C-alpha atoms as a PDB file:
ATOM      1  CA  MET A   1      45.366  92.331 119.738  1.00  0.00           C
ATOM      2  CA  LEU A   2      41.354  93.467 122.063  1.00  0.00           C
ATOM      3  CA  LEU A   3      42.877  92.209 125.125  1.00  0.00           C
ATOM      4  CA  GLY A   4      45.148  95.788 124.555  1.00  0.00           C
ATOM      5  CA  ALA A   5      42.714  98.149 124.564  1.00  0.00           C
ATOM      6  CA  ALA A   6      41.479  96.799 127.786  1.00  0.00           C
ATOM      7  CA  ALA A   7      40.619  99.151 130.714  1.00  0.00           C
ATOM      8  CA  HIS A   8      43.152  97.898 133.278  1.00  0.00           C
ATOM      9  CA  PRO A   9      42.006  98.006 136.813  1.00  0.00           C
ATOM     10  CA  GLY A  10      42.831 101.299 139.255  1.00  0.00           C
ATOM     11  CA  ASP A  11      42.871 103.221 135.074  1.00  0.00           C
ATOM     12  CA  THR A  12      42.721 106.654 136.195  1.00  0.00           C
ATOM     13  CA  GLY A  13      43.343 108.252 132.593  1.00  0.00           C
ATOM     14  CA  GLN A  14      46.687 109.009 133.825  1.00  0.00           C
ATOM     15  CA  ALA A  15      49.404 106.136 132.189  1.00  0.00           C
ATOM     16  CA  SER A  16      51.134 104.531 134.965  1.00  0.00           C
ATOM     17  CA  GLN A  17      55.130 102.861 133.514  1.00  0.00           C
ATOM     18  CA  SER A  18      55.262 100.795 137.288  1.00  0.00           C
ATOM     19  CA  ALA A  19      51.718  99.176 137.660  1.00  0.00           C
ATOM     20  CA  VAL A  20      49.405  99.724 135.535  1.00  0.00           C
ATOM     21  CA  GLY A  21      48.588  96.859 132.973  1.00  0.00           C
ATOM     22  CA  SER A  22      51.459  95.352 133.737  1.00  0.00           C
ATOM     23  CA  GLY A  23      52.899  91.794 135.226  1.00  0.00           C
ATOM     24  CA  ILE A  24      53.827  93.899 138.589  1.00  0.00           C
ATOM     25  CA  GLN A  25      50.161  94.776 139.507  1.00  0.00           C
ATOM     26  CA  LEU A  26      48.860  90.599 137.267  1.00  0.00           C
ATOM     27  CA  VAL A  27      50.819  88.224 140.066  1.00  0.00           C
ATOM     28  CA  GLN A  28      49.646  90.840 142.770  1.00  0.00           C
ATOM     29  CA  THR A  29      46.740  90.037 142.391  1.00  0.00           C
ATOM     30  CA  CYS A  30      47.158  86.590 141.142  1.00  0.00           C
ATOM     31  CA  ARG A  31      48.548  85.355 144.038  1.00  0.00           C
ATOM     32  CA  LEU A  32      45.706  86.679 145.936  1.00  0.00           C
ATOM     33  CA  TYR A  33      42.757  84.876 143.500  1.00  0.00           C
ATOM     34  CA  PHE A  34      44.541  81.925 144.746  1.00  0.00           C
ATOM     35  CA  GLU A  35      44.499  82.784 148.106  1.00  0.00           C
ATOM     36  CA  TYR A  36      41.343  83.611 148.207  1.00  0.00           C
ATOM     37  CA  LEU A  37      40.853  79.953 146.613  1.00  0.00           C
ATOM     38  CA  GLY A  38      42.542  78.431 148.900  1.00  0.00           C
ATOM     39  CA  ARG A  39      42.981  74.537 148.941  1.00  0.00           C
ATOM     40  CA  THR A  40      39.738  73.459 148.680  1.00  0.00           C
ATOM     41  CA  GLY A  41      38.590  76.383 145.882  1.00  0.00           C
ATOM     42  CA  ALA A  42      35.300  77.349 148.189  1.00  0.00           C
ATOM     43  CA  GLY A  43      36.508  80.799 148.544  1.00  0.00           C
ATOM     44  CA  ARG A  44      37.547  82.757 151.600  1.00  0.00           C
ATOM     45  CA  GLU A  45      35.457  85.267 152.221  1.00  0.00           C
ATOM     46  CA  GLU A  46      38.492  88.100 153.698  1.00  0.00           C
ATOM     47  CA  THR A  47      39.930  87.413 151.081  1.00  0.00           C
ATOM     48  CA  LEU A  48      37.814  88.780 148.312  1.00  0.00           C
ATOM     49  CA  GLU A  49      36.901  91.552 150.228  1.00  0.00           C
ATOM     50  CA  ARG A  50      40.811  93.528 149.604  1.00  0.00           C
ATOM     51  CA  ASN A  51      40.779  93.282 146.050  1.00  0.00           C
ATOM     52  CA  PRO A  52      37.952  91.677 144.386  1.00  0.00           C
ATOM     53  CA  VAL A  53      38.039  93.278 141.652  1.00  0.00           C
ATOM     54  CA  GLY A  54      42.123  92.570 141.127  1.00  0.00           C
ATOM     55  CA  MET A  55      40.864  89.224 141.240  1.00  0.00           C
ATOM     56  CA  GLY A  56      38.025  89.361 139.280  1.00  0.00           C
ATOM     57  CA  TYR A  57      40.486  91.328 136.276  1.00  0.00           C
ATOM     58  CA  CYS A  58      43.447  88.186 136.921  1.00  0.00           C
ATOM     59  CA  ALA A  59      40.872  86.091 136.216  1.00  0.00           C
ATOM     60  CA  GLY A  60      38.831  86.945 133.422  1.00  0.00           C
ATOM     61  CA  LEU A  61      42.164  87.988 131.307  1.00  0.00           C
ATOM     62  CA  VAL A  62      43.646  84.610 131.714  1.00  0.00           C
ATOM     63  CA  HIS A  63      40.639  82.992 130.713  1.00  0.00           C
ATOM     64  CA  GLY A  64      40.611  85.749 127.882  1.00  0.00           C
ATOM     65  CA  VAL A  65      43.946  84.829 126.702  1.00  0.00           C
ATOM     66  CA  VAL A  66      43.141  81.209 126.571  1.00  0.00           C
ATOM     67  CA  ASP A  67      40.383  81.456 124.801  1.00  0.00           C
ATOM     68  CA  MET A  68      42.116  83.471 122.141  1.00  0.00           C
ATOM     69  CA  ALA A  69      44.927  81.303 122.169  1.00  0.00           C
ATOM     70  CA  GLN A  70      43.318  78.778 120.882  1.00  0.00           C
ATOM     71  CA  THR A  71      40.718  80.163 118.680  1.00  0.00           C
ATOM     72  CA  PHE A  72      43.469  82.308 116.453  1.00  0.00           C
ATOM     73  CA  LEU A  73      46.566  80.538 117.757  1.00  0.00           C
ATOM     74  CA  PRO A  74      45.804  76.469 118.273  1.00  0.00           C
ATOM     75  CA  ASP A  75      49.016  76.026 117.196  1.00  0.00           C
ATOM     76  CA  ARG A  76      51.144  77.877 119.848  1.00  0.00           C
ATOM     77  CA  VAL A  77      49.266  76.718 123.205  1.00  0.00           C
ATOM     78  CA  CYS A  78      48.352  73.699 123.352  1.00  0.00           C
ATOM     79  CA  LEU A  79      46.587  73.173 127.308  1.00  0.00           C
ATOM     80  CA  PRO A  80      45.198  69.541 128.117  1.00  0.00           C
ATOM     81  CA  PRO A  81      41.970  69.029 128.402  1.00  0.00           C
ATOM     82  CA  LYS A  82      41.364  68.769 131.464  1.00  0.00           C
ATOM     83  CA  ALA A  83      43.078  72.272 132.339  1.00  0.00           C
ATOM     84  CA  THR A  84      40.727  74.120 134.916  1.00  0.00           C
ATOM     85  CA  MET A  85      41.151  77.930 134.975  1.00  0.00           C
ATOM     86  CA  ALA A  86      42.903  78.464 138.070  1.00  0.00           C
ATOM     87  CA  GLN A  87      45.903  75.977 136.613  1.00  0.00           C
ATOM     88  CA  ALA A  88      46.368  78.485 134.319  1.00  0.00           C
ATOM     89  CA  VAL A  89      46.234  81.322 136.571  1.00  0.00           C
ATOM     90  CA  TRP A  90      48.489  79.873 138.603  1.00  0.00           C
ATOM     91  CA  VAL A  91      50.826  79.190 135.732  1.00  0.00           C
ATOM     92  CA  VAL A  92      50.801  82.533 134.842  1.00  0.00           C
ATOM     93  CA  VAL A  93      51.935  83.147 139.047  1.00  0.00           C
ATOM     94  CA  GLN A  94      54.635  81.261 138.369  1.00  0.00           C
ATOM     95  CA  TYR A  95      56.031  82.117 134.809  1.00  0.00           C
ATOM     96  CA  LEU A  96      55.983  86.056 136.706  1.00  0.00           C
ATOM     97  CA  GLU A  97      57.953  84.894 139.511  1.00  0.00           C
ATOM     98  CA  GLN A  98      59.802  83.424 137.830  1.00  0.00           C
ATOM     99  CA  ASN A  99      60.631  86.229 135.078  1.00  0.00           C
ATOM    100  CA  PRO A 100      61.039  88.811 137.338  1.00  0.00           C
ATOM    101  CA  ILE A 101      63.106  91.239 134.833  1.00  0.00           C
ATOM    102  CA  ALA A 102      59.992  90.751 132.939  1.00  0.00           C
ATOM    103  CA  LEU A 103      57.397  92.206 135.088  1.00  0.00           C
ATOM    104  CA  PRO A 104      57.047  96.369 133.416  1.00  0.00           C
ATOM    105  CA  ASP A 105      55.685  94.273 130.732  1.00  0.00           C
ATOM    106  CA  GLU A 106      51.899  93.785 129.375  1.00  0.00           C
ATOM    107  CA  ASP A 107      50.139  92.441 131.347  1.00  0.00           C
ATOM    108  CA  SER A 108      48.150  90.173 128.651  1.00  0.00           C
ATOM    109  CA  ALA A 109      51.871  89.981 126.398  1.00  0.00           C
ATOM    110  CA  LEU A 110      53.287  88.644 130.222  1.00  0.00           C
ATOM    111  CA  VAL A 111      50.089  85.732 129.692  1.00  0.00           C
ATOM    112  CA  LEU A 112      50.627  84.401 126.898  1.00  0.00           C
ATOM    113  CA  ARG A 113      54.372  84.076 127.101  1.00  0.00           C
ATOM    114  CA  ALA A 114      53.720  82.254 130.171  1.00  0.00           C
ATOM    115  CA  LEU A 115      50.746  79.914 128.564  1.00  0.00           C
ATOM    116  CA  GLU A 116      53.159  79.479 125.737  1.00  0.00           C
ATOM    117  CA  ASN A 117      55.763  79.097 127.157  1.00  0.00           C
ATOM    118  CA  THR A 118      54.753  75.722 129.728  1.00  0.00           C
ATOM    119  CA  TYR A 119      52.232  74.743 127.329  1.00  0.00           C
ATOM    120  CA  ARG A 120      53.561  74.274 124.310  1.00  0.00           C
ATOM    121  CA  CYS A 121      52.308  71.417 121.495  1.00  0.00           C
ATOM    122  CA  PRO A 122      53.239  69.168 120.112  1.00  0.00           C
END
């Protein structure tokens, strides 16, 4: 999977099994992403200043996994036609919060699991 080879925010060249590239970091940055969006989706400047790279990583990772799944796994992930990327990110946050034992797992695999779990194909 190409996503596994991508650099993760905070990479310093040293391995970290506790947060970098895992659900532990992803759930934090994706929660912040939703705090940034707020109820209107217009964006809240004070939140953006806290971790713009992490929020962008979260949104980009989810978008990338969605695109990859729709292209290469069309029978495993079926998003509704009107689903937004923000909704897909929220699905990931909910999955991670409901499955804390999985948080140490690799983040792109967790995103795929969350999408498969929520957007099952008929």
